[in-house]
Amino acid sequence: MVIRFKELEKKRMEKPRGGVGFVDADVYKDILNIEGKITAFNHMTLGSGSSIGYHQHVDDMEIYLILEGKAKYNNNGEEVFVEKGDLTFCNKNELHSIEAIDEKGVQFLAVIIG
């Protein structure tokens, strides 16, 4: 299956998960029809200075693959800096957040697995 980027549903979320600013999501909705338990597969663009607030994944886990830019990632209370090519993983019952620190923002692939 090929899912064309230009055909994706576009969403803007203000103050995502209690963060600041906004994030634009390109939603790979068709991937949800495959076997398995992927519940979200999105290309995300977090504007400069914007963040997704610190939150817990109780019944699922989330992976971020950084595509462009730099960000500060909070992994269970430990802040680290991530950049292109880095992959983050938030397991069940763990907490995380991400903040764009690059003047052009940060782009990443976000995958939630239930």
PDB file of N, CA and C in Angstrom:
ATOM      1  N   MET A   1       0.842  -1.170   0.000  1.00  0.00           N
ATOM      2  CA  MET A   1       0.000   0.000   0.000  1.00  0.00           C
ATOM      3  C   MET A   1       0.892   1.238   0.000  1.00  0.00           C
ATOM      4  N   VAL A   2       0.531   2.236  -0.766  1.00  0.00           N
ATOM      5  CA  VAL A   2       1.208   3.525  -0.774  1.00  0.00           C
ATOM      6  C   VAL A   2       0.209   4.577  -0.308  1.00  0.00           C
ATOM      7  N   ILE A   3       0.603   5.347   0.667  1.00  0.00           N
ATOM      8  CA  ILE A   3      -0.227   6.434   1.164  1.00  0.00           C
ATOM      9  C   ILE A   3       0.470   7.729   0.770  1.00  0.00           C
ATOM     10  N   ARG A   4      -0.166   8.528  -0.070  1.00  0.00           N
ATOM     11  CA  ARG A   4       0.422   9.753  -0.599  1.00  0.00           C
ATOM     12  C   ARG A   4       0.307  10.900   0.405  1.00  0.00           C
ATOM     13  N   PHE A   5       1.450  11.504   0.697  1.00  0.00           N
ATOM     14  CA  PHE A   5       1.508  12.613   1.646  1.00  0.00           C
ATOM     15  C   PHE A   5       0.542  13.735   1.260  1.00  0.00           C
ATOM     16  N   LYS A   6       0.492  14.067  -0.017  1.00  0.00           N
ATOM     17  CA  LYS A   6      -0.342  15.195  -0.466  1.00  0.00           C
ATOM     18  C   LYS A   6      -1.837  14.931  -0.298  1.00  0.00           C
ATOM     19  N   GLU A   7      -2.239  13.675  -0.048  1.00  0.00           N
ATOM     20  CA  GLU A   7      -3.644  13.321   0.100  1.00  0.00           C
ATOM     21  C   GLU A   7      -4.078  13.154   1.559  1.00  0.00           C
ATOM     22  N   LEU A   8      -3.172  13.414   2.490  1.00  0.00           N
ATOM     23  CA  LEU A   8      -3.480  13.215   3.905  1.00  0.00           C
ATOM     24  C   LEU A   8      -4.431  14.270   4.446  1.00  0.00           C
ATOM     25  N   GLU A   9      -5.214  13.872   5.448  1.00  0.00           N
ATOM     26  CA  GLU A   9      -6.052  14.809   6.191  1.00  0.00           C
ATOM     27  C   GLU A   9      -5.127  15.714   7.000  1.00  0.00           C
ATOM     28  N   LYS A  10      -5.417  17.002   7.005  1.00  0.00           N
ATOM     29  CA  LYS A  10      -4.624  17.984   7.754  1.00  0.00           C
ATOM     30  C   LYS A  10      -5.410  18.420   8.985  1.00  0.00           C
ATOM     31  N   LYS A  11      -4.716  18.480  10.132  1.00  0.00           N
ATOM     32  CA  LYS A  11      -5.353  18.925  11.379  1.00  0.00           C
ATOM     33  C   LYS A  11      -4.424  19.894  12.092  1.00  0.00           C
ATOM     34  N   ARG A  12      -4.986  20.928  12.691  1.00  0.00           N
ATOM     35  CA  ARG A  12      -4.224  21.818  13.566  1.00  0.00           C
ATOM     36  C   ARG A  12      -4.808  21.683  14.964  1.00  0.00           C
ATOM     37  N   MET A  13      -3.929  21.465  15.935  1.00  0.00           N
ATOM     38  CA  MET A  13      -4.357  21.357  17.324  1.00  0.00           C
ATOM     39  C   MET A  13      -3.719  22.489  18.112  1.00  0.00           C
ATOM     40  N   GLU A  14      -4.530  23.278  18.782  1.00  0.00           N
ATOM     41  CA  GLU A  14      -4.048  24.370  19.626  1.00  0.00           C
ATOM     42  C   GLU A  14      -3.757  23.840  21.030  1.00  0.00           C
ATOM     43  N   LYS A  15      -2.666  24.266  21.610  1.00  0.00           N
ATOM     44  CA  LYS A  15      -2.259  23.890  22.972  1.00  0.00           C
ATOM     45  C   LYS A  15      -2.404  22.384  23.196  1.00  0.00           C
ATOM     46  N   PRO A  16      -1.723  21.567  22.377  1.00  0.00           N
ATOM     47  CA  PRO A  16      -1.912  20.116  22.469  1.00  0.00           C
ATOM     48  C   PRO A  16      -1.489  19.537  23.823  1.00  0.00           C
ATOM     49  N   ARG A  17      -2.384  18.765  24.400  1.00  0.00           N
ATOM     50  CA  ARG A  17      -2.138  18.086  25.680  1.00  0.00           C
ATOM     51  C   ARG A  17      -1.651  19.043  26.761  1.00  0.00           C
ATOM     52  N   GLY A  18      -2.182  20.267  26.749  1.00  0.00           N
ATOM     53  CA  GLY A  18      -1.814  21.247  27.759  1.00  0.00           C
ATOM     54  C   GLY A  18      -0.531  21.999  27.456  1.00  0.00           C
ATOM     55  N   GLY A  19       0.018  21.826  26.245  1.00  0.00           N
ATOM     56  CA  GLY A  19       1.235  22.531  25.847  1.00  0.00           C
ATOM     57  C   GLY A  19       0.924  23.955  25.439  1.00  0.00           C
ATOM     58  N   VAL A  20       1.865  24.574  24.748  1.00  0.00           N
ATOM     59  CA  VAL A  20       1.665  25.934  24.257  1.00  0.00           C
ATOM     60  C   VAL A  20       1.752  25.944  22.743  1.00  0.00           C
ATOM     61  N   GLY A  21       1.195  26.976  22.122  1.00  0.00           N
ATOM     62  CA  GLY A  21       1.271  27.113  20.673  1.00  0.00           C
ATOM     63  C   GLY A  21       0.381  26.109  19.970  1.00  0.00           C
ATOM     64  N   PHE A  22       0.916  25.535  18.906  1.00  0.00           N
ATOM     65  CA  PHE A  22       0.115  24.633  18.082  1.00  0.00           C
ATOM     66  C   PHE A  22       0.990  23.548  17.481  1.00  0.00           C
ATOM     67  N   VAL A  23       0.336  22.502  17.009  1.00  0.00           N
ATOM     68  CA  VAL A  23       0.987  21.467  16.208  1.00  0.00           C
ATOM     69  C   VAL A  23       0.076  21.188  15.022  1.00  0.00           C
ATOM     70  N   ASP A  24       0.682  21.061  13.838  1.00  0.00           N
ATOM     71  CA  ASP A  24      -0.049  20.661  12.646  1.00  0.00           C
ATOM     72  C   ASP A  24       0.215  19.188  12.400  1.00  0.00           C
ATOM     73  N   ALA A  25      -0.832  18.412  12.168  1.00  0.00           N
ATOM     74  CA  ALA A  25      -0.706  16.974  11.955  1.00  0.00           C
ATOM     75  C   ALA A  25      -1.168  16.612  10.553  1.00  0.00           C
ATOM     76  N   ASP A  26      -0.371  15.814   9.874  1.00  0.00           N
ATOM     77  CA  ASP A  26      -0.763  15.187   8.617  1.00  0.00           C
ATOM     78  C   ASP A  26      -1.102  13.751   8.985  1.00  0.00           C
ATOM     79  N   VAL A  27      -2.377  13.391   8.911  1.00  0.00           N
ATOM     80  CA  VAL A  27      -2.875  12.163   9.513  1.00  0.00           C
ATOM     81  C   VAL A  27      -2.877  11.001   8.513  1.00  0.00           C
ATOM     82  N   TYR A  28      -2.103   9.966   8.822  1.00  0.00           N
ATOM     83  CA  TYR A  28      -2.046   8.748   8.008  1.00  0.00           C
ATOM     84  C   TYR A  28      -3.153   7.807   8.469  1.00  0.00           C
ATOM     85  N   LYS A  29      -4.385   8.215   8.263  1.00  0.00           N
ATOM     86  CA  LYS A  29      -5.546   7.480   8.777  1.00  0.00           C
ATOM     87  C   LYS A  29      -5.663   6.083   8.170  1.00  0.00           C
ATOM     88  N   ASP A  30      -5.320   5.921   6.889  1.00  0.00           N
ATOM     89  CA  ASP A  30      -5.494   4.623   6.220  1.00  0.00           C
ATOM     90  C   ASP A  30      -4.625   3.516   6.814  1.00  0.00           C
ATOM     91  N   ILE A  31      -3.537   3.868   7.496  1.00  0.00           N
ATOM     92  CA  ILE A  31      -2.664   2.850   8.104  1.00  0.00           C
ATOM     93  C   ILE A  31      -3.394   2.125   9.232  1.00  0.00           C
ATOM     94  N   LEU A  32      -4.443   2.750   9.771  1.00  0.00           N
ATOM     95  CA  LEU A  32      -5.167   2.163  10.894  1.00  0.00           C
ATOM     96  C   LEU A  32      -5.942   0.913  10.490  1.00  0.00           C
ATOM     97  N   ASN A  33      -6.076   0.663   9.189  1.00  0.00           N
ATOM     98  CA  ASN A  33      -6.801  -0.510   8.709  1.00  0.00           C
ATOM     99  C   ASN A  33      -5.928  -1.760   8.622  1.00  0.00           C
ATOM    100  N   ILE A  34      -4.637  -1.640   8.900  1.00  0.00           N
ATOM    101  CA  ILE A  34      -3.766  -2.812   8.825  1.00  0.00           C
ATOM    102  C   ILE A  34      -3.939  -3.674  10.069  1.00  0.00           C
ATOM    103  N   GLU A  35      -3.468  -4.903   9.987  1.00  0.00           N
ATOM    104  CA  GLU A  35      -3.492  -5.787  11.154  1.00  0.00           C
ATOM    105  C   GLU A  35      -2.588  -5.209  12.228  1.00  0.00           C
ATOM    106  N   GLY A  36      -2.978  -5.319  13.462  1.00  0.00           N
ATOM    107  CA  GLY A  36      -2.178  -4.802  14.552  1.00  0.00           C
ATOM    108  C   GLY A  36      -2.944  -3.750  15.315  1.00  0.00           C
ATOM    109  N   LYS A  37      -2.245  -3.042  16.169  1.00  0.00           N
ATOM    110  CA  LYS A  37      -2.909  -2.116  17.063  1.00  0.00           C
ATOM    111  C   LYS A  37      -2.343  -0.705  16.957  1.00  0.00           C
ATOM    112  N   ILE A  38      -2.027  -0.259  15.756  1.00  0.00           N
ATOM    113  CA  ILE A  38      -1.617   1.127  15.573  1.00  0.00           C
ATOM    114  C   ILE A  38      -2.882   1.977  15.646  1.00  0.00           C
ATOM    115  N   THR A  39      -2.891   2.956  16.555  1.00  0.00           N
ATOM    116  CA  THR A  39      -4.073   3.803  16.702  1.00  0.00           C
ATOM    117  C   THR A  39      -3.856   5.209  16.153  1.00  0.00           C
ATOM    118  N   ALA A  40      -2.614   5.587  15.885  1.00  0.00           N
ATOM    119  CA  ALA A  40      -2.326   6.877  15.242  1.00  0.00           C
ATOM    120  C   ALA A  40      -0.986   6.775  14.532  1.00  0.00           C
ATOM    121  N   PHE A  41      -0.903   7.382  13.354  1.00  0.00           N
ATOM    122  CA  PHE A  41       0.322   7.394  12.548  1.00  0.00           C
ATOM    123  C   PHE A  41       0.318   8.736  11.827  1.00  0.00           C
ATOM    124  N   ASN A  42       1.000   9.749  12.417  1.00  0.00           N
ATOM    125  CA  ASN A  42       0.874  11.126  11.956  1.00  0.00           C
ATOM    126  C   ASN A  42       2.224  11.786  11.699  1.00  0.00           C
ATOM    127  N   HIS A  43       2.282  12.588  10.643  1.00  0.00           N
ATOM    128  CA  HIS A  43       3.403  13.494  10.396  1.00  0.00           C
ATOM    129  C   HIS A  43       3.059  14.775  11.131  1.00  0.00           C
ATOM    130  N   MET A  44       3.907  15.195  12.074  1.00  0.00           N
ATOM    131  CA  MET A  44       3.614  16.336  12.927  1.00  0.00           C
ATOM    132  C   MET A  44       4.593  17.475  12.646  1.00  0.00           C
ATOM    133  N   THR A  45       4.088  18.701  12.658  1.00  0.00           N
ATOM    134  CA  THR A  45       4.920  19.893  12.568  1.00  0.00           C
ATOM    135  C   THR A  45       4.611  20.749  13.776  1.00  0.00           C
ATOM    136  N   LEU A  46       5.571  20.868  14.663  1.00  0.00           N
ATOM    137  CA  LEU A  46       5.421  21.638  15.885  1.00  0.00           C
ATOM    138  C   LEU A  46       6.095  22.983  15.655  1.00  0.00           C
ATOM    139  N   GLY A  47       5.326  24.068  15.725  1.00  0.00           N
ATOM    140  CA  GLY A  47       5.854  25.406  15.463  1.00  0.00           C
ATOM    141  C   GLY A  47       6.926  25.805  16.462  1.00  0.00           C
ATOM    142  N   SER A  48       7.818  26.701  16.041  1.00  0.00           N
ATOM    143  CA  SER A  48       8.895  27.185  16.898  1.00  0.00           C
ATOM    144  C   SER A  48       8.345  27.690  18.224  1.00  0.00           C
ATOM    145  N   GLY A  49       8.909  27.211  19.333  1.00  0.00           N
ATOM    146  CA  GLY A  49       8.451  27.593  20.659  1.00  0.00           C
ATOM    147  C   GLY A  49       7.207  26.860  21.134  1.00  0.00           C
ATOM    148  N   SER A  50       6.621  26.044  20.276  1.00  0.00           N
ATOM    149  CA  SER A  50       5.420  25.278  20.639  1.00  0.00           C
ATOM    150  C   SER A  50       5.815  23.972  21.320  1.00  0.00           C
ATOM    151  N   SER A  51       4.864  23.402  22.041  1.00  0.00           N
ATOM    152  CA  SER A  51       5.150  22.148  22.737  1.00  0.00           C
ATOM    153  C   SER A  51       3.909  21.289  22.825  1.00  0.00           C
ATOM    154  N   ILE A  52       4.123  20.011  23.000  1.00  0.00           N
ATOM    155  CA  ILE A  52       3.072  19.077  23.396  1.00  0.00           C
ATOM    156  C   ILE A  52       3.331  18.820  24.871  1.00  0.00           C
ATOM    157  N   GLY A  53       2.343  19.107  25.706  1.00  0.00           N
ATOM    158  CA  GLY A  53       2.514  19.054  27.153  1.00  0.00           C
ATOM    159  C   GLY A  53       2.861  17.674  27.698  1.00  0.00           C
ATOM    160  N   TYR A  54       3.409  17.698  28.891  1.00  0.00           N
ATOM    161  CA  TYR A  54       3.820  16.489  29.607  1.00  0.00           C
ATOM    162  C   TYR A  54       2.575  15.663  29.913  1.00  0.00           C
ATOM    163  N   HIS A  55       2.538  14.429  29.416  1.00  0.00           N
ATOM    164  CA  HIS A  55       1.363  13.579  29.592  1.00  0.00           C
ATOM    165  C   HIS A  55       1.778  12.115  29.692  1.00  0.00           C
ATOM    166  N   GLN A  56       0.862  11.302  30.206  1.00  0.00           N
ATOM    167  CA  GLN A  56       1.116   9.879  30.425  1.00  0.00           C
ATOM    168  C   GLN A  56       0.376   9.033  29.396  1.00  0.00           C
ATOM    169  N   HIS A  57       1.018   7.965  28.973  1.00  0.00           N
ATOM    170  CA  HIS A  57       0.377   6.963  28.118  1.00  0.00           C
ATOM    171  C   HIS A  57       0.031   5.775  29.005  1.00  0.00           C
ATOM    172  N   VAL A  58      -1.263   5.588  29.257  1.00  0.00           N
ATOM    173  CA  VAL A  58      -1.711   4.551  30.182  1.00  0.00           C
ATOM    174  C   VAL A  58      -1.947   3.232  29.459  1.00  0.00           C
ATOM    175  N   ASP A  59      -2.740   3.262  28.404  1.00  0.00           N
ATOM    176  CA  ASP A  59      -3.100   2.029  27.701  1.00  0.00           C
ATOM    177  C   ASP A  59      -2.438   1.902  26.336  1.00  0.00           C
ATOM    178  N   ASP A  60      -1.472   2.765  26.051  1.00  0.00           N
ATOM    179  CA  ASP A  60      -0.786   2.704  24.766  1.00  0.00           C
ATOM    180  C   ASP A  60       0.637   3.213  24.930  1.00  0.00           C
ATOM    181  N   MET A  61       1.397   3.217  23.841  1.00  0.00           N
ATOM    182  CA  MET A  61       2.763   3.724  23.840  1.00  0.00           C
ATOM    183  C   MET A  61       2.933   4.588  22.602  1.00  0.00           C
ATOM    184  N   GLU A  62       3.965   5.459  22.603  1.00  0.00           N
ATOM    185  CA  GLU A  62       4.137   6.376  21.480  1.00  0.00           C
ATOM    186  C   GLU A  62       5.601   6.466  21.074  1.00  0.00           C
ATOM    187  N   ILE A  63       5.805   6.511  19.768  1.00  0.00           N
ATOM    188  CA  ILE A  63       7.134   6.645  19.167  1.00  0.00           C
ATOM    189  C   ILE A  63       7.157   7.950  18.390  1.00  0.00           C
ATOM    190  N   TYR A  64       8.237   8.730  18.528  1.00  0.00           N
ATOM    191  CA  TYR A  64       8.488   9.896  17.683  1.00  0.00           C
ATOM    192  C   TYR A  64       9.772   9.637  16.899  1.00  0.00           C
ATOM    193  N   LEU A  65       9.736   9.856  15.602  1.00  0.00           N
ATOM    194  CA  LEU A  65      10.934   9.840  14.764  1.00  0.00           C
ATOM    195  C   LEU A  65      11.140  11.270  14.287  1.00  0.00           C
ATOM    196  N   ILE A  66      12.243  11.902  14.710  1.00  0.00           N
ATOM    197  CA  ILE A  66      12.501  13.292  14.362  1.00  0.00           C
ATOM    198  C   ILE A  66      12.970  13.355  12.911  1.00  0.00           C
ATOM    199  N   LEU A  67      12.252  14.148  12.108  1.00  0.00           N
ATOM    200  CA  LEU A  67      12.534  14.258  10.675  1.00  0.00           C
ATOM    201  C   LEU A  67      13.337  15.511  10.339  1.00  0.00           C
ATOM    202  N   GLU A  68      13.033  16.621  10.990  1.00  0.00           N
ATOM    203  CA  GLU A  68      13.715  17.902  10.754  1.00  0.00           C
ATOM    204  C   GLU A  68      13.665  18.729  12.023  1.00  0.00           C
ATOM    205  N   GLY A  69      14.700  19.513  12.256  1.00  0.00           N
ATOM    206  CA  GLY A  69      14.718  20.437  13.377  1.00  0.00           C
ATOM    207  C   GLY A  69      15.245  19.812  14.656  1.00  0.00           C
ATOM    208  N   LYS A  70      15.170  20.603  15.718  1.00  0.00           N
ATOM    209  CA  LYS A  70      15.652  20.180  17.036  1.00  0.00           C
ATOM    210  C   LYS A  70      14.558  20.428  18.074  1.00  0.00           C
ATOM    211  N   ALA A  71      14.554  19.587  19.095  1.00  0.00           N
ATOM    212  CA  ALA A  71      13.530  19.697  20.137  1.00  0.00           C
ATOM    213  C   ALA A  71      14.102  19.282  21.480  1.00  0.00           C
ATOM    214  N   LYS A  72      13.417  19.733  22.534  1.00  0.00           N
ATOM    215  CA  LYS A  72      13.712  19.273  23.888  1.00  0.00           C
ATOM    216  C   LYS A  72      12.647  18.231  24.212  1.00  0.00           C
ATOM    217  N   TYR A  73      13.075  17.037  24.566  1.00  0.00           N
ATOM    218  CA  TYR A  73      12.173  15.921  24.853  1.00  0.00           C
ATOM    219  C   TYR A  73      12.284  15.591  26.326  1.00  0.00           C
ATOM    220  N   ASN A  74      11.140  15.499  26.999  1.00  0.00           N
ATOM    221  CA  ASN A  74      11.101  15.127  28.407  1.00  0.00           C
ATOM    222  C   ASN A  74      10.688  13.667  28.475  1.00  0.00           C
ATOM    223  N   ASN A  75      11.584  12.841  28.952  1.00  0.00           N
ATOM    224  CA  ASN A  75      11.381  11.397  29.057  1.00  0.00           C
ATOM    225  C   ASN A  75      11.295  11.029  30.530  1.00  0.00           C
ATOM    226  N   ASN A  76      10.058  10.950  31.060  1.00  0.00           N
ATOM    227  CA  ASN A  76       9.855  10.598  32.466  1.00  0.00           C
ATOM    228  C   ASN A  76      10.622  11.508  33.414  1.00  0.00           C
ATOM    229  N   GLY A  77      10.615  12.821  33.111  1.00  0.00           N
ATOM    230  CA  GLY A  77      11.267  13.788  33.976  1.00  0.00           C
ATOM    231  C   GLY A  77      12.692  14.119  33.594  1.00  0.00           C
ATOM    232  N   GLU A  78      13.289  13.374  32.689  1.00  0.00           N
ATOM    233  CA  GLU A  78      14.659  13.651  32.225  1.00  0.00           C
ATOM    234  C   GLU A  78      14.593  14.352  30.874  1.00  0.00           C
ATOM    235  N   GLU A  79      15.117  15.593  30.826  1.00  0.00           N
ATOM    236  CA  GLU A  79      15.101  16.352  29.577  1.00  0.00           C
ATOM    237  C   GLU A  79      16.344  16.055  28.752  1.00  0.00           C
ATOM    238  N   VAL A  80      16.111  15.762  27.468  1.00  0.00           N
ATOM    239  CA  VAL A  80      17.197  15.510  26.526  1.00  0.00           C
ATOM    240  C   VAL A  80      16.885  16.277  25.241  1.00  0.00           C
ATOM    241  N   PHE A  81      17.922  16.547  24.464  1.00  0.00           N
ATOM    242  CA  PHE A  81      17.732  17.221  23.189  1.00  0.00           C
ATOM    243  C   PHE A  81      17.764  16.185  22.078  1.00  0.00           C
ATOM    244  N   VAL A  82      16.833  16.328  21.126  1.00  0.00           N
ATOM    245  CA  VAL A  82      16.744  15.389  20.006  1.00  0.00           C
ATOM    246  C   VAL A  82      16.794  16.163  18.700  1.00  0.00           C
ATOM    247  N   GLU A  83      17.272  15.476  17.645  1.00  0.00           N
ATOM    248  CA  GLU A  83      17.387  16.095  16.334  1.00  0.00           C
ATOM    249  C   GLU A  83      17.146  15.053  15.256  1.00  0.00           C
ATOM    250  N   LYS A  84      17.243  15.481  14.013  1.00  0.00           N
ATOM    251  CA  LYS A  84      16.951  14.631  12.861  1.00  0.00           C
ATOM    252  C   LYS A  84      17.563  13.239  13.003  1.00  0.00           C
ATOM    253  N   GLY A  85      16.715  12.227  12.812  1.00  0.00           N
ATOM    254  CA  GLY A  85      17.155  10.839  12.878  1.00  0.00           C
ATOM    255  C   GLY A  85      16.977  10.184  14.231  1.00  0.00           C
ATOM    256  N   ASP A  86      16.801  10.985  15.282  1.00  0.00           N
ATOM    257  CA  ASP A  86      16.605  10.421  16.620  1.00  0.00           C
ATOM    258  C   ASP A  86      15.184   9.875  16.738  1.00  0.00           C
ATOM    259  N   LEU A  87      15.044   8.788  17.486  1.00  0.00           N
ATOM    260  CA  LEU A  87      13.751   8.160  17.721  1.00  0.00           C
ATOM    261  C   LEU A  87      13.509   8.121  19.216  1.00  0.00           C
ATOM    262  N   THR A  88      12.318   8.531  19.641  1.00  0.00           N
ATOM    263  CA  THR A  88      11.967   8.463  21.059  1.00  0.00           C
ATOM    264  C   THR A  88      10.881   7.410  21.235  1.00  0.00           C
ATOM    265  N   PHE A  89      10.812   6.859  22.434  1.00  0.00           N
ATOM    266  CA  PHE A  89       9.823   5.819  22.717  1.00  0.00           C
ATOM    267  C   PHE A  89       9.281   6.036  24.114  1.00  0.00           C
ATOM    268  N   CYS A  90       7.977   6.197  24.237  1.00  0.00           N
ATOM    269  CA  CYS A  90       7.305   6.339  25.526  1.00  0.00           C
ATOM    270  C   CYS A  90       6.447   5.096  25.738  1.00  0.00           C
ATOM    271  N   ASN A  91       6.858   4.246  26.657  1.00  0.00           N
ATOM    272  CA  ASN A  91       6.186   2.982  26.900  1.00  0.00           C
ATOM    273  C   ASN A  91       4.904   3.194  27.709  1.00  0.00           C
ATOM    274  N   LYS A  92       4.110   2.151  27.835  1.00  0.00           N
ATOM    275  CA  LYS A  92       2.889   2.203  28.649  1.00  0.00           C
ATOM    276  C   LYS A  92       3.242   2.655  30.064  1.00  0.00           C
ATOM    277  N   ASN A  93       2.380   3.515  30.623  1.00  0.00           N
ATOM    278  CA  ASN A  93       2.505   4.053  31.974  1.00  0.00           C
ATOM    279  C   ASN A  93       3.677   5.013  32.153  1.00  0.00           C
ATOM    280  N   GLU A  94       4.336   5.409  31.067  1.00  0.00           N
ATOM    281  CA  GLU A  94       5.397   6.402  31.150  1.00  0.00           C
ATOM    282  C   GLU A  94       4.860   7.765  30.727  1.00  0.00           C
ATOM    283  N   LEU A  95       5.672   8.803  30.956  1.00  0.00           N
ATOM    284  CA  LEU A  95       5.286  10.178  30.652  1.00  0.00           C
ATOM    285  C   LEU A  95       6.292  10.809  29.699  1.00  0.00           C
ATOM    286  N   HIS A  96       5.799  11.757  28.889  1.00  0.00           N
ATOM    287  CA  HIS A  96       6.711  12.475  27.997  1.00  0.00           C
ATOM    288  C   HIS A  96       6.097  13.781  27.518  1.00  0.00           C
ATOM    289  N   SER A  97       6.961  14.643  26.960  1.00  0.00           N
ATOM    290  CA  SER A  97       6.545  15.878  26.294  1.00  0.00           C
ATOM    291  C   SER A  97       7.632  16.227  25.283  1.00  0.00           C
ATOM    292  N   ILE A  98       7.316  17.171  24.387  1.00  0.00           N
ATOM    293  CA  ILE A  98       8.290  17.621  23.399  1.00  0.00           C
ATOM    294  C   ILE A  98       8.065  19.101  23.147  1.00  0.00           C
ATOM    295  N   GLU A  99       9.183  19.850  23.000  1.00  0.00           N
ATOM    296  CA  GLU A  99       9.134  21.284  22.742  1.00  0.00           C
ATOM    297  C   GLU A  99      10.080  21.618  21.602  1.00  0.00           C
ATOM    298  N   ALA A 100       9.577  22.328  20.601  1.00  0.00           N
ATOM    299  CA  ALA A 100      10.408  22.740  19.461  1.00  0.00           C
ATOM    300  C   ALA A 100      11.350  23.853  19.894  1.00  0.00           C
ATOM    301  N   ILE A 101      12.660  23.663  19.689  1.00  0.00           N
ATOM    302  CA  ILE A 101      13.633  24.697  20.051  1.00  0.00           C
ATOM    303  C   ILE A 101      14.322  25.266  18.815  1.00  0.00           C
ATOM    304  N   ASP A 102      14.051  24.701  17.655  1.00  0.00           N
ATOM    305  CA  ASP A 102      14.605  25.185  16.398  1.00  0.00           C
ATOM    306  C   ASP A 102      13.752  26.356  15.911  1.00  0.00           C
ATOM    307  N   GLU A 103      14.366  27.389  15.367  1.00  0.00           N
ATOM    308  CA  GLU A 103      13.588  28.558  14.908  1.00  0.00           C
ATOM    309  C   GLU A 103      12.614  28.216  13.797  1.00  0.00           C
ATOM    310  N   LYS A 104      12.824  27.104  13.098  1.00  0.00           N
ATOM    311  CA  LYS A 104      11.901  26.670  12.053  1.00  0.00           C
ATOM    312  C   LYS A 104      10.907  25.630  12.561  1.00  0.00           C
ATOM    313  N   GLY A 105      10.956  25.321  13.845  1.00  0.00           N
ATOM    314  CA  GLY A 105      10.087  24.292  14.409  1.00  0.00           C
ATOM    315  C   GLY A 105      10.715  22.923  14.266  1.00  0.00           C
ATOM    316  N   VAL A 106       9.930  21.894  14.503  1.00  0.00           N
ATOM    317  CA  VAL A 106      10.412  20.519  14.382  1.00  0.00           C
ATOM    318  C   VAL A 106       9.332  19.678  13.714  1.00  0.00           C
ATOM    319  N   GLN A 107       9.764  18.791  12.826  1.00  0.00           N
ATOM    320  CA  GLN A 107       8.855  17.839  12.182  1.00  0.00           C
ATOM    321  C   GLN A 107       9.209  16.447  12.680  1.00  0.00           C
ATOM    322  N   PHE A 108       8.158  15.661  12.944  1.00  0.00           N
ATOM    323  CA  PHE A 108       8.400  14.300  13.407  1.00  0.00           C
ATOM    324  C   PHE A 108       7.223  13.410  13.035  1.00  0.00           C
ATOM    325  N   LEU A 109       7.503  12.143  12.987  1.00  0.00           N
ATOM    326  CA  LEU A 109       6.489  11.119  12.773  1.00  0.00           C
ATOM    327  C   LEU A 109       6.086  10.627  14.155  1.00  0.00           C
ATOM    328  N   ALA A 110       4.783  10.623  14.442  1.00  0.00           N
ATOM    329  CA  ALA A 110       4.266  10.166  15.722  1.00  0.00           C
ATOM    330  C   ALA A 110       3.408   8.923  15.498  1.00  0.00           C
ATOM    331  N   VAL A 111       3.769   7.838  16.180  1.00  0.00           N
ATOM    332  CA  VAL A 111       3.040   6.578  16.051  1.00  0.00           C
ATOM    333  C   VAL A 111       2.589   6.149  17.432  1.00  0.00           C
ATOM    334  N   ILE A 112       1.270   5.962  17.594  1.00  0.00           N
ATOM    335  CA  ILE A 112       0.732   5.457  18.864  1.00  0.00           C
ATOM    336  C   ILE A 112       0.292   4.011  18.645  1.00  0.00           C
ATOM    337  N   ILE A 113       0.741   3.146  19.537  1.00  0.00           N
ATOM    338  CA  ILE A 113       0.460   1.714  19.473  1.00  0.00           C
ATOM    339  C   ILE A 113      -0.302   1.320  20.722  1.00  0.00           C
ATOM    340  N   GLY A 114      -1.516   0.758  20.542  1.00  0.00           N
ATOM    341  CA  GLY A 114      -2.361   0.385  21.672  1.00  0.00           C
ATOM    342  C   GLY A 114      -2.118  -1.015  22.145  1.00  0.00           C
TER     343      GLY A 114
END
